[in-house]
Protein backbone atom coordinates (compact mmCIF):
# COMPACT_ATOMS: atom_id res chain seq x y z
CA MET A 1 4.41 -9.25 159.94
CA ASP A 2 5.61 -12.36 161.83
CA ILE A 3 9.07 -13.64 162.67
CA LEU A 4 9.37 -15.65 159.45
CA ASP A 5 8.56 -12.57 157.37
CA ILE A 6 11.35 -10.66 159.13
CA LEU A 7 13.90 -13.40 158.47
CA LEU A 8 12.99 -13.60 154.78
CA GLN A 9 13.48 -9.89 154.10
CA THR A 10 16.67 -8.95 152.25
CA SER A 11 16.65 -5.66 154.16
CA PHE A 12 17.02 -7.64 157.41
CA TRP A 13 20.12 -9.46 156.17
CA ALA A 14 21.55 -6.26 154.70
CA ALA A 15 21.14 -4.62 158.11
CA THR A 16 22.70 -7.68 159.76
CA LEU A 17 25.81 -7.38 157.62
CA ARG A 18 26.01 -3.63 158.15
CA ILE A 19 25.74 -3.98 161.95
CA ALA A 20 28.28 -6.82 161.94
CA THR A 21 30.94 -4.90 159.97
CA PRO A 22 32.57 -2.97 162.86
CA LEU A 23 32.46 -6.18 164.89
CA ILE A 24 34.27 -8.07 162.11
CA PHE A 25 37.10 -5.53 162.12
CA GLY A 26 37.23 -5.49 165.91
CA VAL A 27 37.09 -9.24 166.45
CA LEU A 28 39.76 -9.88 163.80
CA GLY A 29 42.00 -7.30 165.45
CA GLU A 30 41.50 -8.80 168.90
CA LEU A 31 42.02 -12.30 167.51
CA ILE A 32 45.42 -11.33 166.06
CA CYS A 33 46.50 -9.83 169.40
CA GLU A 34 45.41 -12.86 171.40
CA ARG A 35 46.91 -15.32 168.90
CA ALA A 36 50.24 -13.67 169.69
CA GLY A 37 49.60 -14.13 173.41
CA VAL A 38 48.44 -10.64 174.44
CA LEU A 39 44.95 -9.75 175.64
CA ASN A 40 43.99 -6.28 174.39
CA LEU A 41 41.30 -4.82 176.64
CA GLY A 42 41.97 -1.43 175.08
CA ILE A 43 39.71 -2.30 172.16
CA GLU A 44 36.73 -0.22 173.34
CA GLY A 45 38.83 2.93 173.60
CA ILE A 46 40.73 2.22 170.39
CA MET A 47 37.46 1.84 168.48
CA THR A 48 36.25 5.11 170.01
CA ILE A 49 39.32 7.12 169.04
CA GLY A 50 39.31 5.40 165.64
CA ALA A 51 35.74 6.62 165.12
CA MET A 52 36.59 10.16 166.19
CA SER A 53 39.92 10.47 164.34
CA GLY A 54 38.60 8.99 161.08
CA TRP A 55 35.67 11.41 161.12
CA LEU A 56 37.85 14.35 162.16
CA PHE A 57 40.38 13.89 159.37
CA VAL A 58 37.60 13.75 156.77
CA TYR A 59 35.91 16.77 158.35
CA LEU A 60 39.23 18.65 158.05
CA GLY A 61 39.35 17.98 154.31
CA PHE A 62 40.98 14.58 153.78
CA ASP A 63 39.26 12.02 151.57
CA LEU A 64 37.49 9.01 153.07
CA TRP A 65 40.21 6.42 152.42
CA THR A 66 42.85 8.73 153.87
CA GLY A 67 40.63 9.10 156.93
CA ILE A 68 40.52 5.31 157.26
CA LEU A 69 44.29 5.04 156.87
CA LEU A 70 44.99 7.75 159.44
CA ALA A 71 42.51 6.20 161.88
CA ALA A 72 44.36 2.89 161.48
CA CYS A 73 47.65 4.68 162.23
CA VAL A 74 46.15 6.16 165.41
CA GLY A 75 44.99 2.68 166.45
CA ALA A 76 48.42 1.23 165.70
CA ALA A 77 50.01 3.90 167.93
CA PHE A 78 47.85 2.81 170.85
CA GLY A 79 48.73 -0.79 170.05
CA LEU A 80 52.40 0.17 170.23
CA LEU A 81 51.82 1.82 173.62
CA HIS A 82 50.00 -1.28 174.88
CA GLY A 83 52.81 -3.49 173.60
CA ALA A 84 55.59 -1.36 175.10
CA LEU A 85 53.99 -1.67 178.53
CA THR A 86 52.94 -5.33 178.47
CA VAL A 87 55.52 -7.15 176.34
CA PRO A 88 59.06 -6.09 177.39
CA LEU A 89 58.00 -4.66 180.77
CA GLY A 90 55.57 -7.49 181.55
CA LEU A 91 52.92 -5.26 183.12
CA SER A 92 49.43 -6.61 183.73
CA GLN A 93 47.60 -6.93 180.42
CA HIS A 94 44.26 -6.43 182.16
CA VAL A 95 45.22 -3.21 183.92
CA THR A 96 47.10 -1.83 180.90
CA GLY A 97 44.20 -2.62 178.57
CA ILE A 98 41.67 -0.87 180.79
CA GLY A 99 44.06 2.08 181.04
CA ILE A 100 44.33 2.23 177.23
CA THR A 101 40.53 2.22 176.95
CA LEU A 102 40.21 5.08 179.45
CA LEU A 103 43.04 7.06 177.84
CA ALA A 104 41.85 6.62 174.25
CA THR A 105 38.20 7.34 175.06
CA SER A 106 39.03 10.43 177.12
CA LEU A 107 41.47 11.68 174.49
CA ALA A 108 38.84 11.27 171.77
CA TYR A 109 36.24 13.25 173.72
CA PHE A 110 38.78 15.89 174.82
CA THR A 111 40.02 16.41 171.26
CA TYR A 112 36.48 16.73 169.96
CA ARG A 113 35.59 19.33 172.59
CA MET A 114 38.82 21.26 172.12
CA LEU A 115 38.48 21.53 168.34
CA LEU A 116 34.71 22.09 168.33
CA PRO A 117 33.89 23.82 171.63
CA ASP A 118 30.78 25.68 170.50
CA VAL A 119 29.15 23.03 168.30
CA ALA A 120 25.62 22.15 169.42
CA SER A 121 25.14 19.23 167.03
CA PRO A 122 27.86 17.04 165.49
CA PRO A 123 29.03 18.33 162.08
CA ARG A 124 28.15 16.05 159.17
CA ILE A 125 30.37 14.66 156.45
CA ILE A 126 29.66 12.77 153.22
CA PRO A 127 30.23 9.10 154.14
CA PHE A 128 30.99 6.05 152.01
CA GLN A 129 28.11 5.21 149.68
CA PRO A 130 26.77 1.72 148.87
CA LEU A 131 28.66 0.19 145.96
CA ASP A 132 25.58 -1.38 144.32
CA PRO A 133 27.49 -2.78 141.29
CA ASP A 134 25.40 -3.54 138.22
CA TRP A 135 26.73 -7.08 137.83
CA LEU A 136 25.49 -7.97 141.32
CA LEU A 137 21.89 -6.89 140.79
CA ALA A 138 21.04 -10.06 138.87
CA VAL A 139 22.15 -12.36 141.72
CA PRO A 140 19.11 -13.48 143.75
CA PHE A 141 19.12 -12.60 147.47
CA PHE A 142 22.88 -11.96 147.73
CA GLY A 143 22.70 -9.18 145.16
CA PRO A 144 20.39 -6.89 147.16
CA VAL A 145 22.13 -7.78 150.46
CA LEU A 146 25.68 -7.10 149.29
CA GLY A 147 24.72 -4.30 146.93
CA GLN A 148 23.54 -2.15 149.85
CA GLN A 149 26.94 -2.32 151.55
CA THR A 150 29.81 0.13 151.33
CA ALA A 151 33.39 -0.65 150.37
CA LEU A 152 34.37 -1.04 154.04
CA THR A 153 31.96 -3.94 154.50
CA TRP A 154 33.41 -5.65 151.44
CA LEU A 155 36.88 -5.02 152.85
CA ALA A 156 35.90 -6.58 156.19
CA LEU A 157 34.61 -9.70 154.43
CA LEU A 158 37.79 -10.01 152.35
CA LEU A 159 39.97 -9.65 155.44
CA VAL A 160 38.55 -12.84 156.97
CA PRO A 161 40.05 -15.27 154.40
CA ALA A 162 43.16 -13.10 154.09
CA ILE A 163 43.89 -13.23 157.83
CA ALA A 164 43.01 -16.94 157.98
CA TYR A 165 45.48 -17.59 155.15
CA VAL A 166 48.26 -15.59 156.83
CA LEU A 167 47.73 -17.26 160.21
CA TYR A 168 47.52 -20.85 158.97
CA ARG A 169 49.39 -20.92 155.65
CA THR A 170 52.41 -18.65 156.04
CA PRO A 171 55.62 -18.68 158.13
CA LEU A 172 54.60 -15.34 159.64
CA GLY A 173 51.30 -16.76 160.84
CA LEU A 174 53.05 -19.78 162.32
CA ALA A 175 55.47 -17.49 164.13
CA VAL A 176 52.63 -15.39 165.57
CA ARG A 177 50.72 -18.47 166.72
CA THR A 178 53.87 -19.94 168.26
CA CYS A 179 54.33 -16.76 170.29
CA GLY A 180 50.84 -17.32 171.67
CA GLU A 181 51.34 -21.02 172.35
CA ASN A 182 55.00 -21.43 173.33
CA PRO A 183 57.12 -18.26 173.15
CA ALA A 184 60.19 -20.13 174.40
CA ALA A 185 60.00 -22.40 171.36
CA ALA A 186 59.67 -19.35 169.12
CA GLU A 187 62.78 -17.81 170.66
CA ALA A 188 64.63 -21.12 170.25
CA GLN A 189 63.96 -20.86 166.52
CA GLY A 190 65.61 -17.44 166.42
CA LEU A 191 62.36 -15.43 166.39
CA ASP A 192 62.01 -12.15 168.24
CA VAL A 193 59.00 -12.74 170.49
CA TYR A 194 58.84 -9.11 171.59
CA LEU A 195 58.82 -7.82 168.01
CA LEU A 196 56.16 -10.30 166.90
CA ARG A 197 53.88 -9.59 169.84
CA ILE A 198 54.17 -5.82 169.53
CA GLY A 199 53.69 -6.08 165.77
CA ALA A 200 50.54 -8.18 166.28
CA LEU A 201 49.24 -5.61 168.77
CA MET A 202 49.82 -2.78 166.30
CA VAL A 203 48.13 -4.59 163.40
CA GLY A 204 45.24 -5.74 165.58
CA SER A 205 44.74 -2.27 167.07
CA ALA A 206 44.78 -0.73 163.59
CA LEU A 207 41.91 -3.04 162.59
CA MET A 208 40.01 -2.11 165.75
CA ALA A 209 40.36 1.58 164.90
CA VAL A 210 39.09 0.93 161.35
CA GLY A 211 36.08 -0.79 162.93
CA GLY A 212 35.41 2.37 164.91
CA ALA A 213 35.96 4.55 161.83
CA PHE A 214 33.33 2.51 159.99
CA LEU A 215 30.73 3.90 162.39
CA THR A 216 31.48 7.53 161.51
CA LEU A 217 32.48 7.16 157.87
CA SER A 218 30.00 4.55 156.66
CA ALA A 219 27.22 3.63 159.09
CA PHE A 220 26.70 7.28 160.12
CA ASN A 221 28.10 10.60 158.99
CA ALA A 222 29.13 12.20 162.29
CA PHE A 223 30.81 11.43 165.60
CA PHE A 224 28.67 11.01 168.70
CA PHE A 225 29.73 10.34 172.26
CA GLU A 226 29.20 6.72 173.35
CA MET A 227 28.59 5.66 169.74
CA VAL A 228 30.80 2.56 170.09
CA ALA A 229 28.34 1.42 172.76
CA GLY A 230 30.21 -1.61 174.08
CA ARG A 231 31.06 -3.13 170.72
CA GLY A 232 34.67 -3.56 171.84
CA TRP A 233 33.65 -5.72 174.78
CA ILE A 234 31.42 -7.77 172.50
CA CYS A 235 34.42 -8.38 170.22
CA ILE A 236 36.40 -9.79 173.14
CA ALA A 237 33.57 -12.20 173.87
CA LEU A 238 33.27 -13.12 170.19
CA VAL A 239 36.95 -14.14 170.07
CA VAL A 240 36.22 -16.75 172.75
CA PHE A 241 33.04 -17.75 170.93
CA ALA A 242 35.10 -18.24 167.76
CA SER A 243 37.77 -20.31 169.52
CA TRP A 244 40.35 -17.92 168.02
CA VAL A 245 39.46 -18.97 164.45
CA PRO A 246 38.78 -16.19 161.85
CA TRP A 247 35.91 -17.98 160.08
CA LYS A 248 34.09 -18.59 163.36
CA ALA A 249 34.76 -14.97 164.30
CA LEU A 250 32.88 -13.91 161.17
CA LEU A 251 30.00 -16.19 162.14
CA GLY A 252 29.90 -14.72 165.64
CA ALA A 253 29.83 -11.15 164.34
CA LEU A 254 27.03 -11.98 161.92
CA LEU A 255 25.12 -13.73 164.71
CA PHE A 256 25.27 -10.64 166.93
CA GLY A 257 24.37 -8.43 163.97
CA ALA A 258 21.33 -10.62 163.27
CA PHE A 259 20.23 -10.42 166.91
CA ASP A 260 20.53 -6.63 166.85
CA ALA A 261 18.75 -6.20 163.51
CA PHE A 262 16.03 -8.60 164.66
CA GLN A 263 15.29 -6.72 167.89
CA VAL A 264 14.81 -3.45 166.00
CA ARG A 265 12.21 -5.06 163.72
CA LEU A 266 10.59 -6.93 166.57
CA GLN A 267 10.01 -3.63 168.36
CA GLN A 268 8.01 -2.45 165.36
CA VAL A 269 5.88 -5.61 165.44
CA VAL A 270 5.19 -5.61 169.17
CA GLY A 271 4.88 -1.85 169.52
CA GLY A 272 4.69 -0.41 173.02
CA ALA A 273 3.32 -3.57 174.64
CA VAL A 274 6.82 -4.48 175.87
CA PRO A 275 9.39 -1.99 177.24
CA TYR A 276 11.93 -1.20 174.53
CA GLN A 277 14.80 -1.73 176.99
CA LEU A 278 14.02 -5.44 176.90
CA PHE A 279 14.60 -5.50 173.15
CA LEU A 280 17.87 -3.59 173.53
CA MET A 281 19.05 -6.28 175.94
CA MET A 282 18.27 -9.14 173.57
CA PRO A 283 21.44 -9.13 171.41
CA TYR A 284 23.67 -9.06 174.48
CA LEU A 285 21.75 -11.75 176.35
CA LEU A 286 21.70 -14.04 173.34
CA SER A 287 25.41 -13.40 172.75
CA ILE A 288 26.19 -14.32 176.36
CA LEU A 289 24.17 -17.52 175.96
CA ALA A 290 26.02 -18.43 172.77
CA LEU A 291 29.33 -17.62 174.47
CA VAL A 292 28.56 -19.91 177.41
CA VAL A 293 27.71 -22.77 175.06
CA MET A 294 30.80 -22.35 172.87
CA ALA A 295 33.33 -21.42 175.56
CA ARG A 296 33.26 -24.90 177.05
CA ARG A 297 34.88 -26.29 173.92
CA ALA A 298 37.19 -23.33 173.27
CA SER A 299 40.90 -24.07 172.94
CA TYR A 300 42.72 -20.89 173.91
CA PRO A 301 46.37 -20.01 173.15
CA GLN A 302 48.40 -21.54 175.97
CA ALA A 303 50.60 -18.48 176.54
CA LEU A 304 47.74 -15.98 176.44
CA MET A 305 48.17 -13.27 179.13
CA ARG A 306 51.49 -14.76 180.25
CA PRO A 307 54.37 -12.27 180.18
CA TYR A 308 57.52 -13.61 178.55
CA ILE A 309 61.06 -12.65 179.51
CA LYS A 310 63.77 -13.30 176.96
CA GLY A 311 66.02 -16.20 177.86
CA GLN A 312 63.58 -17.53 180.43
CA ARG A 313 62.76 -21.22 180.30
């Protein structure tokens, strides 16, 4: 099997989309936060506690969609905490975000150990199953690729045009973007900058938590420590890669997913001739390279990371 054979396999592209799904949720959530002018470095921890809480609620007897909804509520609560500290109080967004990551990650692990102290291996649940609709089977290439995905992947894909529409075609989206570009102008129009920024943080953090819940409720069927594995930090880089545009964010997530799926298959081709750690590095190195190329032309929100005090000009 050569490189071309790998790229032509529908299983490769199905794996790419599956790997990209939590990144799509995460990068869209981070994009909403940053469009409102707030950097959310708590994404890694929010994805972690989203993964744990979504799995835990289902393990306790709730259905899968309720688990997703409750995980989103947990993420929104951390977004509210982040917003309360950074928006009206004007605390450092970097320090607060790192603190949120440490708090959420530690709370997720502590809760898991408190509720399941004597468990040797993570308990399993029945996760989302691939939709595989009959009408899609007849579609060449896209049928097998999309048919192998669960409802959460379809939801992630639908969210991209939905969020793009809200941001660029509705008064609410204009208000959010104005808060990230010129909050004084937003306040002059009678808008509540604090409310919009905190609301964006809550919505964005809810999406991040759903991205984490995808790992336990769709990609896998249990919660493992360190399972987020830096995906939150990758999402922050992908927002810059995407120049804060939802469609480019989708492209960036798929690009990273393709790199990751490719390295797994390349390991099988090469075998033990090359240390496997080199293959594990590939998606991150290629993502950094793509980020460096795209970041030079990125146009960031002008008020990003700048605290705003009401009435200040």
